[in-house]
Protein backbone atom coordinates (compact mmCIF):
# COMPACT_ATOMS: atom_id res chain seq x y z
CA MET A 1 0.10 -0.01 0.13
CA ASN A 2 1.67 3.28 -1.04
CA PRO A 3 1.60 5.95 1.83
CA PRO A 4 -0.93 8.59 1.62
CA PHE A 5 0.59 11.27 1.41
CA SER A 6 3.84 12.53 -0.34
CA ARG A 7 6.05 15.16 -0.12
CA THR A 8 7.25 17.58 -2.54
CA CYS A 9 8.79 20.18 -0.63
CA VAL A 10 12.82 20.01 -1.03
CA VAL A 11 14.69 18.62 2.21
CA LYS A 12 18.15 19.37 2.78
CA LYS A 13 20.08 15.96 1.68
CA ILE A 14 23.63 14.85 3.69
CA ALA A 15 25.85 11.87 2.42
CA ILE A 16 27.91 10.39 4.87
CA ILE A 17 30.54 8.14 3.45
CA GLY A 18 31.72 5.82 6.18
CA ALA A 19 29.04 4.33 8.72
CA GLY A 20 32.27 4.24 11.74
CA LYS A 21 31.85 5.76 15.13
CA VAL A 22 32.09 9.28 13.89
CA GLY A 23 29.87 8.82 10.76
CA SER A 24 27.32 6.96 12.45
CA THR A 25 27.22 9.49 15.80
CA LEU A 26 27.32 12.62 13.35
CA ALA A 27 24.30 10.74 11.32
CA GLN A 28 21.94 10.52 14.64
CA MET A 29 23.07 14.48 15.81
CA MET A 30 22.01 15.49 11.88
CA VAL A 31 18.62 13.72 12.55
CA GLU A 32 17.66 14.85 15.83
CA ARG A 33 18.41 18.17 15.43
CA ASN A 34 15.92 18.48 12.53
CA VAL A 35 18.88 19.67 10.25
CA ALA A 36 18.33 17.25 7.22
CA ASP A 37 17.66 14.13 5.80
CA VAL A 38 20.56 11.36 5.78
CA VAL A 39 21.92 8.40 3.52
CA LEU A 40 25.08 6.68 5.38
CA LEU A 41 26.92 4.66 3.06
CA ASP A 42 29.93 2.17 3.72
CA VAL A 43 31.13 -0.69 1.83
CA ILE A 44 30.40 -3.43 4.57
CA ALA A 45 26.93 -5.02 3.38
CA GLY A 46 24.06 -4.60 6.42
CA TRP A 47 25.93 -2.11 8.75
CA PRO A 48 24.78 0.88 7.67
CA GLN A 49 21.20 -0.33 6.54
CA GLY A 50 21.09 -1.29 10.18
CA ILE A 51 22.13 1.96 11.66
CA ALA A 52 19.94 3.49 9.57
CA LEU A 53 16.54 1.03 11.04
CA ASP A 54 17.65 1.53 14.07
CA LEU A 55 17.78 5.61 14.05
CA MET A 56 14.63 5.72 12.32
CA GLU A 57 12.80 3.47 14.68
CA ALA A 58 13.74 5.93 17.06
CA ARG A 59 12.01 8.83 15.25
CA GLY A 60 8.72 9.29 17.04
CA ILE A 61 10.46 8.85 20.44
CA LEU A 62 13.24 11.65 19.84
CA ARG A 63 10.33 13.71 17.97
CA HIS A 64 11.70 14.35 14.44
CA ASP A 65 10.74 13.33 11.14
CA ARG A 66 13.85 12.85 9.18
CA THR A 67 14.87 10.09 6.71
CA ILE A 68 17.72 8.24 7.16
CA ILE A 69 18.82 5.84 4.50
CA GLY A 70 21.66 2.99 4.66
CA THR A 71 23.47 1.94 1.74
CA ASN A 72 26.43 0.26 0.03
CA ASP A 73 25.46 2.26 -3.53
CA PHE A 74 26.54 5.72 -4.05
CA ALA A 75 23.86 6.07 -6.37
CA ASP A 76 21.94 6.61 -3.29
CA THR A 77 23.41 9.56 -2.35
CA ALA A 78 22.80 11.57 -5.43
CA GLY A 79 21.72 15.07 -4.94
CA ALA A 80 23.19 15.58 -1.60
CA ASP A 81 24.13 19.06 -0.56
CA ILE A 82 26.66 17.99 1.87
CA VAL A 83 29.08 15.14 1.66
CA VAL A 84 30.73 14.07 4.19
CA ILE A 85 33.85 11.81 3.98
CA THR A 86 34.70 9.86 7.01
CA ALA A 87 35.55 6.85 5.67
CA GLY A 88 39.37 5.42 6.77
CA GLN A 89 41.27 3.24 9.04
CA PRO A 90 41.53 4.92 12.36
CA ARG A 91 44.75 5.43 14.39
CA LYS A 92 45.98 2.66 16.56
CA PRO A 93 48.04 3.33 19.87
CA GLY A 94 51.54 4.46 18.74
CA MET A 95 50.31 5.39 15.35
CA SER A 96 50.68 9.20 14.03
CA ARG A 97 48.16 10.61 11.27
CA ASP A 98 50.40 11.00 8.95
CA ASP A 99 50.90 7.04 9.04
CA LEU A 100 47.60 6.44 7.69
CA LEU A 101 48.65 8.47 4.30
CA MET A 102 49.20 5.41 1.67
CA ILE A 103 45.86 3.82 3.41
CA ASN A 104 43.75 6.19 3.22
CA SER A 105 44.68 7.76 0.72
CA GLN A 106 43.12 5.05 -1.59
CA ILE A 107 40.05 5.08 0.44
CA VAL A 108 39.51 8.60 0.13
CA THR A 109 39.98 8.75 -4.00
CA GLN A 110 37.39 6.42 -4.20
CA ALA A 111 34.95 7.79 -2.26
CA ALA A 112 35.66 11.48 -3.24
CA THR A 113 35.40 10.39 -6.85
CA GLN A 114 31.97 8.17 -6.47
CA ALA A 115 30.05 10.98 -4.78
CA VAL A 116 31.05 13.32 -7.02
CA LYS A 117 29.66 11.88 -9.74
CA TYR A 118 26.36 11.52 -8.13
CA SER A 119 26.66 15.17 -6.30
CA PRO A 120 28.35 17.45 -8.51
CA ASP A 121 26.96 20.25 -6.88
CA ALA A 122 27.88 19.29 -3.09
CA ILE A 123 29.84 20.96 -0.51
CA PHE A 124 32.71 18.06 0.70
CA ILE A 125 33.58 18.04 4.53
CA VAL A 126 36.61 15.83 4.92
CA VAL A 127 37.42 14.43 7.87
CA THR A 128 39.77 11.21 7.50
CA ASN A 129 43.17 11.52 8.47
CA PRO A 130 45.98 12.62 7.68
CA LEU A 131 43.03 15.55 7.38
CA ASP A 132 44.95 18.06 5.77
CA VAL A 133 46.42 15.65 2.94
CA MET A 134 43.24 14.45 2.55
CA THR A 135 41.47 17.62 1.80
CA TYR A 136 43.77 18.28 -0.10
CA LEU A 137 43.27 14.96 -1.92
CA THR A 138 39.45 15.27 -2.13
CA TRP A 139 40.02 18.93 -3.87
CA ARG A 140 42.50 17.24 -6.57
CA VAL A 141 40.12 14.08 -7.47
CA THR A 142 36.90 16.00 -7.85
CA GLY A 143 37.68 18.89 -9.25
CA LEU A 144 35.42 21.03 -7.42
CA PRO A 145 36.15 24.80 -6.71
CA LYS A 146 38.16 25.30 -3.60
CA HIS A 147 35.32 27.13 -1.82
CA ARG A 148 33.55 23.88 -1.65
CA ILE A 149 35.85 21.25 -0.16
CA ILE A 150 36.24 22.04 3.71
CA GLY A 151 38.48 19.71 6.35
CA MET A 152 37.08 19.51 10.09
CA ALA A 153 40.11 19.99 12.21
CA GLY A 154 40.91 23.32 13.75
CA ILE A 155 36.81 23.11 15.37
CA LEU A 156 37.82 19.81 17.00
CA ASP A 157 41.40 20.76 18.27
CA ALA A 158 39.79 24.56 19.39
CA ALA A 159 37.19 22.30 21.31
CA ARG A 160 39.83 19.92 23.06
CA PHE A 161 41.80 23.45 23.81
CA GLN A 162 38.38 24.85 24.97
CA ALA A 163 37.84 21.71 27.58
CA PHE A 164 41.28 21.76 29.06
CA ILE A 165 40.87 25.36 29.73
CA ALA A 166 37.67 24.88 31.33
CA MET A 167 38.71 21.67 33.43
CA GLU A 168 41.67 23.89 34.56
CA LEU A 169 39.34 27.34 35.61
CA GLY A 170 36.79 24.75 36.84
CA ILE A 171 33.85 27.12 34.95
CA ALA A 172 31.67 26.48 32.10
CA ALA A 173 32.86 25.60 28.92
CA SER A 174 30.29 27.50 27.20
CA ASP A 175 32.04 30.92 28.70
CA ILE A 176 35.34 30.29 26.81
CA ASN A 177 35.93 30.56 23.24
CA ALA A 178 39.64 28.90 21.77
CA MET A 179 41.40 29.23 18.70
CA VAL A 180 43.75 26.95 17.16
CA LEU A 181 45.37 27.10 13.72
CA GLY A 182 47.86 24.73 11.43
CA SER A 183 47.64 21.02 10.76
CA HIS A 184 45.86 18.44 12.57
CA GLY A 185 48.69 17.13 14.23
CA ASP A 186 51.59 17.66 16.38
CA LEU A 187 52.59 20.98 15.02
CA MET A 188 49.36 22.35 15.77
CA VAL A 189 49.48 25.77 16.88
CA PRO A 190 46.84 26.78 19.75
CA LEU A 191 46.74 30.79 19.88
CA PRO A 192 46.17 31.90 23.80
CA GLN A 193 46.00 35.55 23.27
CA TYR A 194 43.04 34.71 20.65
CA SER A 195 41.22 31.90 23.39
CA THR A 196 39.10 33.94 26.09
CA VAL A 197 37.10 33.39 28.67
CA ASN A 198 34.08 35.64 28.41
CA GLY A 199 36.11 37.89 26.15
CA VAL A 200 38.94 37.83 28.31
CA PRO A 201 42.22 36.43 27.15
CA ILE A 202 43.03 33.39 28.75
CA THR A 203 46.46 34.82 29.28
CA GLU A 204 44.94 37.36 31.89
CA VAL A 205 43.79 34.55 34.15
CA LEU A 206 46.34 31.48 33.57
CA ASP A 207 50.25 31.67 34.05
CA THR A 208 52.55 31.00 31.20
CA ASP A 209 53.45 27.26 32.28
CA THR A 210 49.49 26.40 33.12
CA ILE A 211 48.76 27.35 29.06
CA GLU A 212 51.81 25.75 27.80
CA ARG A 213 51.15 22.13 29.78
CA LEU A 214 47.19 22.97 28.51
CA VAL A 215 48.78 23.47 24.40
CA ASN A 216 50.98 20.70 24.82
CA ARG A 217 48.00 18.79 25.93
CA THR A 218 45.80 19.99 23.15
CA ARG A 219 48.34 18.93 20.58
CA ASN A 220 48.22 15.49 21.83
CA GLY A 221 44.52 15.88 22.64
CA GLY A 222 43.47 12.72 19.91
CA ALA A 223 46.58 10.36 20.50
CA GLU A 224 45.45 10.39 24.77
CA ILE A 225 41.87 9.51 23.28
CA VAL A 226 43.67 6.63 21.06
CA ALA A 227 46.04 5.27 24.01
CA LEU A 228 42.59 5.22 26.33
CA LEU A 229 39.90 3.49 24.16
CA LYS A 230 43.61 1.19 22.53
CA ILE A 231 41.48 0.33 19.50
CA GLY A 232 39.98 2.80 17.54
CA SER A 233 39.88 7.08 18.47
CA ALA A 234 37.95 9.76 19.13
CA PHE A 235 34.49 10.22 18.05
CA TYR A 236 31.60 12.30 20.05
CA ALA A 237 33.67 15.49 19.47
CA PRO A 238 34.59 14.99 15.50
CA ALA A 239 31.09 14.42 15.00
CA ALA A 240 29.84 17.73 16.84
CA SER A 241 32.65 19.16 14.95
CA ILE A 242 31.01 18.30 11.75
CA ARG A 243 27.70 19.16 12.89
CA LEU A 244 28.89 22.98 13.33
CA MET A 245 30.05 22.92 10.01
CA ILE A 246 26.80 21.87 8.10
CA GLU A 247 24.55 23.90 10.67
CA ALA A 248 26.37 27.05 9.36
CA ILE A 249 26.59 25.97 5.78
CA LEU A 250 22.70 24.64 5.68
CA LEU A 251 21.49 27.47 7.74
CA ASN A 252 23.89 30.10 5.88
CA GLU A 253 24.58 31.02 9.64
CA VAL A 254 27.99 32.66 8.64
CA ARG A 255 30.66 31.54 11.19
CA LEU A 256 33.55 32.17 12.06
CA LEU A 257 35.25 28.76 12.23
CA PRO A 258 39.13 27.30 12.16
CA CYS A 259 38.77 24.73 9.44
CA CYS A 260 40.92 23.19 7.07
CA SER A 261 40.76 25.56 4.05
CA TYR A 262 42.71 26.72 0.83
CA LEU A 263 45.73 28.83 1.31
CA GLN A 264 46.80 31.25 -1.79
CA GLY A 265 49.03 33.47 0.01
CA GLU A 266 47.56 33.65 3.28
CA TYR A 267 49.55 33.70 6.47
CA GLY A 268 52.79 32.91 3.62
CA LEU A 269 51.41 30.02 2.85
CA SER A 270 49.70 28.99 -0.49
CA ASP A 271 48.71 25.76 -2.76
CA LEU A 272 47.69 23.55 0.16
CA PHE A 273 45.05 22.96 2.71
CA LEU A 274 45.69 24.12 6.11
CA GLY A 275 43.60 25.03 9.41
CA VAL A 276 42.75 29.32 9.26
CA PRO A 277 39.58 31.56 10.45
CA THR A 278 37.34 30.88 8.18
CA TRP A 279 33.99 32.36 7.38
CA LEU A 280 31.59 29.38 6.33
CA GLY A 281 27.92 30.16 4.94
CA CYS A 282 26.05 28.45 2.42
CA GLN A 283 28.66 28.75 -0.32
CA GLY A 284 31.09 27.10 1.82
CA VAL A 285 34.12 29.09 2.58
CA GLN A 286 33.31 32.53 2.18
CA LYS A 287 36.68 34.37 3.16
CA ILE A 288 39.90 33.42 5.13
CA LEU A 289 40.72 35.72 8.68
CA GLU A 290 44.65 36.60 8.74
CA LEU A 291 44.98 36.97 12.39
CA SER A 292 47.68 38.91 13.85
CA LEU A 293 50.50 36.62 15.11
CA THR A 294 53.88 36.98 17.17
CA ASP A 295 56.97 35.56 15.30
CA ALA A 296 56.85 32.36 17.39
CA GLN A 297 53.16 31.53 15.84
CA SER A 298 54.27 32.51 12.53
CA GLN A 299 57.27 30.42 12.01
CA ALA A 300 55.19 27.39 13.46
CA LEU A 301 52.72 27.96 11.34
CA LEU A 302 54.82 27.79 8.16
CA GLU A 303 56.57 24.38 9.85
CA CYS A 304 53.23 23.06 9.98
CA GLY A 305 52.95 24.16 6.08
CA GLU A 306 56.24 22.94 5.22
CA GLN A 307 54.81 19.59 6.78
CA VAL A 308 52.02 19.22 4.84
CA ARG A 309 53.78 19.97 1.51
CA GLN A 310 56.06 17.03 2.23
CA ASN A 311 52.95 14.59 2.34
CA ILE A 312 51.33 16.73 -0.69
CA ASP A 313 54.46 16.21 -2.77
CA GLN A 314 54.01 12.30 -2.01
CA LEU A 315 50.51 12.20 -2.58
CA GLU A 316 51.22 14.28 -6.30
CA ARG A 317 54.04 11.40 -7.26
CA LEU A 318 51.34 8.58 -6.46
CA LEU A 319 48.89 10.36 -8.49
CA VAL A 320 51.49 11.07 -11.48
CA GLU A 321 52.05 7.24 -11.45
CA GLY A 322 48.49 6.28 -11.52
CA LYS A 323 49.00 4.48 -8.08
CA LEU A 324 45.42 6.21 -6.67
CA SER A 325 42.38 5.73 -8.65
């Protein structure tokens, strides 16, 4: 029997590539907040379908009416407004994000090329590690404009810095805004002078040694969770970070967020993706904000760029040799 009612209005659609913990948690957040319908794709037969059915069965209890589809077929993602790539091998204890370069390059290449075939007008958000390089790879293989390719990193790193500041001071995390630039790795550049408690820089409420300790913990925030979990890596905070980006885009909130964006001379760097303050809205990246940095912070950001550049050069060799397809 056909349903008695049909929907003719246009509903926003998000395609999530990878139904692991980050992807499935993000799907849950999106539908529970009534933001958009979700297509959850994974290569494992039955896995995304089971997660989708479970989420659909919770709709009545959670009082939303979004649709969730689980699939192994990219054709089901057609017409997505946003494509989120979370697919890839997670880190294990002792691994760096860069250790994942070879295996995840192949996964992201296949995911991006298939997804853009069915959603050529979508904005892509990349989550797979090593994030800065995988964002560049997504841009290269899709051929999309740079403003429609964004990596999720700075929001997560800033959220960790925010959490550690709140824990140190024993105050509400919602009173804190943090800013972190650079690569999503050990060379990231937290900015204490732009990290505030209700507008007051943390340099006014914490001493230098404490700030440095929190900065170092932020740089190793992902590894700390990996070491505790032993299998897998963080997923709640990453999913929440992606949610913030999606809502900024779909709702055209035009928010200033630290995102992995394409640089064309900003901060003295060009032709790579790196975490910088980004005005994010319905068109994707609308503008990059250049902050005044100390000499030490500027140098640290250049070092981040150099590390990312080395991985990009390795990636380009693989593309030229036809080893990624």
